C-alpha cells in the first residue's frame, strides 16, 4: 500500500510523518485490497485539519476529515473514521450483501 503525506501551507514534521505512517499502516493489515492512502495535513486558525483518502480496486474511495487542537488528536479521529468506512465495506464484501 502506498502512503502519500502532504502538508498544505507547511512542511510535515518527521515525527508527525512517522506517527501517521504507523496509524495508516494498520489499515493495510485490516484490509489488504487497499492500494493507496493520501493524507493532507493543514494548520489554520489554531486548529489542525487532517484529510485522509484511501482507494481500493475497482474504483472505491474512502475519505475522512477531522479537525483538532492537537495534530495527533486530529490524526486519530480521521483514522478512526476511515477505519470504520473500510470495515463496513469489507464486511459487505465478505458477507456478499448487496
Foldseek 3Di string as FASTA:
>chain_A
DAEAEEEDPDDDDPVLVVVLCVLVVVVCVVPVQWDYKYWYWYDDPQKIKIKIWIDGPPGDIFIFIAIDNDPVVRSVVRSVRRSVVSVVVVCCVVVVPD
